[in-house]
Amino acid sequence: MLTELDTSLPSVKQLQNSIKEAKQVELKLVTGDLLAGKILWQDQYCVFLASENTQKTMIWKQSIVYMKEG
């Protein structure tokens, strides 16, 4: 069963805006790790982050504590 991303949700809109504008973000994870970079894409479960040193990381949304633009 395919479930689509609900683009009416404010959190989804915010992430989409960050992707569209290629904004730098910080993601704090439940593990305490802090990741920085640009979000390249999102789906209903994950975001894909590219850091300045070109490291690419797929992150499960449920592991994100907060996102900060900057």
C-alpha atoms as a PDB file:
ATOM      1  CA  MET A   1       0.000   0.000   0.000  1.00  0.00           C
ATOM      2  CA  LEU A   2       1.466   3.313  -1.117  1.00  0.00           C
ATOM      3  CA  THR A   3       0.858   6.295   1.161  1.00  0.00           C
ATOM      4  CA  GLU A   4       1.609   9.745  -0.188  1.00  0.00           C
ATOM      5  CA  LEU A   5       3.327  12.577   1.631  1.00  0.00           C
ATOM      6  CA  ASP A   6       0.687  14.883   3.147  1.00  0.00           C
ATOM      7  CA  THR A   7       1.776  18.266   1.791  1.00  0.00           C
ATOM      8  CA  SER A   8      -0.946  20.056   3.771  1.00  0.00           C
ATOM      9  CA  LEU A   9       0.991  19.499   7.028  1.00  0.00           C
ATOM     10  CA  PRO A  10       3.062  22.501   8.197  1.00  0.00           C
ATOM     11  CA  SER A  11       6.082  20.321   8.984  1.00  0.00           C
ATOM     12  CA  VAL A  12       6.088  18.856   5.476  1.00  0.00           C
ATOM     13  CA  LYS A  13       5.692  22.334   3.967  1.00  0.00           C
ATOM     14  CA  GLN A  14       8.623  23.624   6.041  1.00  0.00           C
ATOM     15  CA  LEU A  15      10.879  20.775   4.950  1.00  0.00           C
ATOM     16  CA  GLN A  16       9.834  21.228   1.318  1.00  0.00           C
ATOM     17  CA  ASN A  17      10.641  24.937   1.565  1.00  0.00           C
ATOM     18  CA  SER A  18      14.086  24.147   3.011  1.00  0.00           C
ATOM     19  CA  ILE A  19      14.709  21.737   0.122  1.00  0.00           C
ATOM     20  CA  LYS A  20      13.460  24.148  -2.537  1.00  0.00           C
ATOM     21  CA  GLU A  21      15.553  27.047  -1.232  1.00  0.00           C
ATOM     22  CA  ALA A  22      18.587  24.808  -0.514  1.00  0.00           C
ATOM     23  CA  LYS A  23      18.790  26.153   3.045  1.00  0.00           C
ATOM     24  CA  GLN A  24      21.450  25.022   5.489  1.00  0.00           C
ATOM     25  CA  VAL A  25      19.847  23.180   8.443  1.00  0.00           C
ATOM     26  CA  GLU A  26      20.857  21.578  11.728  1.00  0.00           C
ATOM     27  CA  LEU A  27      19.185  18.360  12.805  1.00  0.00           C
ATOM     28  CA  LYS A  28      19.396  17.206  16.417  1.00  0.00           C
ATOM     29  CA  LEU A  29      18.832  13.472  16.778  1.00  0.00           C
ATOM     30  CA  VAL A  30      17.489  11.472  19.712  1.00  0.00           C
ATOM     31  CA  THR A  31      21.014  10.084  20.124  1.00  0.00           C
ATOM     32  CA  GLY A  32      22.259  13.602  20.866  1.00  0.00           C
ATOM     33  CA  ASP A  33      24.115  13.864  17.544  1.00  0.00           C
ATOM     34  CA  LEU A  34      23.911  17.177  15.723  1.00  0.00           C
ATOM     35  CA  LEU A  35      24.039  17.008  11.923  1.00  0.00           C
ATOM     36  CA  ALA A  36      24.317  19.984   9.567  1.00  0.00           C
ATOM     37  CA  GLY A  37      23.813  20.285   5.835  1.00  0.00           C
ATOM     38  CA  LYS A  38      21.170  20.664   3.169  1.00  0.00           C
ATOM     39  CA  ILE A  39      18.170  18.376   2.903  1.00  0.00           C
ATOM     40  CA  LEU A  40      18.044  16.972  -0.630  1.00  0.00           C
ATOM     41  CA  TRP A  41      14.733  15.132  -0.368  1.00  0.00           C
ATOM     42  CA  GLN A  42      12.129  13.743   1.997  1.00  0.00           C
ATOM     43  CA  ASP A  43       9.553  11.004   1.907  1.00  0.00           C
ATOM     44  CA  GLN A  44       7.030  10.005   4.533  1.00  0.00           C
ATOM     45  CA  TYR A  45       9.685   8.202   6.594  1.00  0.00           C
ATOM     46  CA  CYS A  46      13.089   9.781   5.932  1.00  0.00           C
ATOM     47  CA  VAL A  47      15.055  12.873   5.013  1.00  0.00           C
ATOM     48  CA  PHE A  48      18.306  12.795   3.052  1.00  0.00           C
ATOM     49  CA  LEU A  49      20.970  15.228   4.269  1.00  0.00           C
ATOM     50  CA  ALA A  50      24.135  16.283   2.407  1.00  0.00           C
ATOM     51  CA  SER A  51      26.816  17.885   4.578  1.00  0.00           C
ATOM     52  CA  GLU A  52      29.325  20.500   3.421  1.00  0.00           C
ATOM     53  CA  ASN A  53      32.000  17.809   3.092  1.00  0.00           C
ATOM     54  CA  THR A  54      29.606  15.912   0.763  1.00  0.00           C
ATOM     55  CA  GLN A  55      28.793  13.197   3.280  1.00  0.00           C
ATOM     56  CA  LYS A  56      25.255  12.005   2.572  1.00  0.00           C
ATOM     57  CA  THR A  57      23.056  10.574   5.303  1.00  0.00           C
ATOM     58  CA  MET A  58      19.537   9.164   5.244  1.00  0.00           C
ATOM     59  CA  ILE A  59      17.797   9.929   8.547  1.00  0.00           C
ATOM     60  CA  TRP A  60      14.570   8.413   9.813  1.00  0.00           C
ATOM     61  CA  LYS A  61      12.181  11.251  10.692  1.00  0.00           C
ATOM     62  CA  GLN A  62      11.263   9.558  13.989  1.00  0.00           C
ATOM     63  CA  SER A  63      14.874  10.015  15.139  1.00  0.00           C
ATOM     64  CA  ILE A  64      14.813  13.820  14.714  1.00  0.00           C
ATOM     65  CA  VAL A  65      14.341  15.902  17.879  1.00  0.00           C
ATOM     66  CA  TYR A  66      14.404  19.257  16.083  1.00  0.00           C
ATOM     67  CA  MET A  67      15.422  21.038  12.900  1.00  0.00           C
ATOM     68  CA  LYS A  68      16.910  24.526  12.905  1.00  0.00           C
ATOM     69  CA  GLU A  69      17.535  26.611   9.787  1.00  0.00           C
ATOM     70  CA  GLY A  70      20.618  28.709   9.709  1.00  0.00           C
END
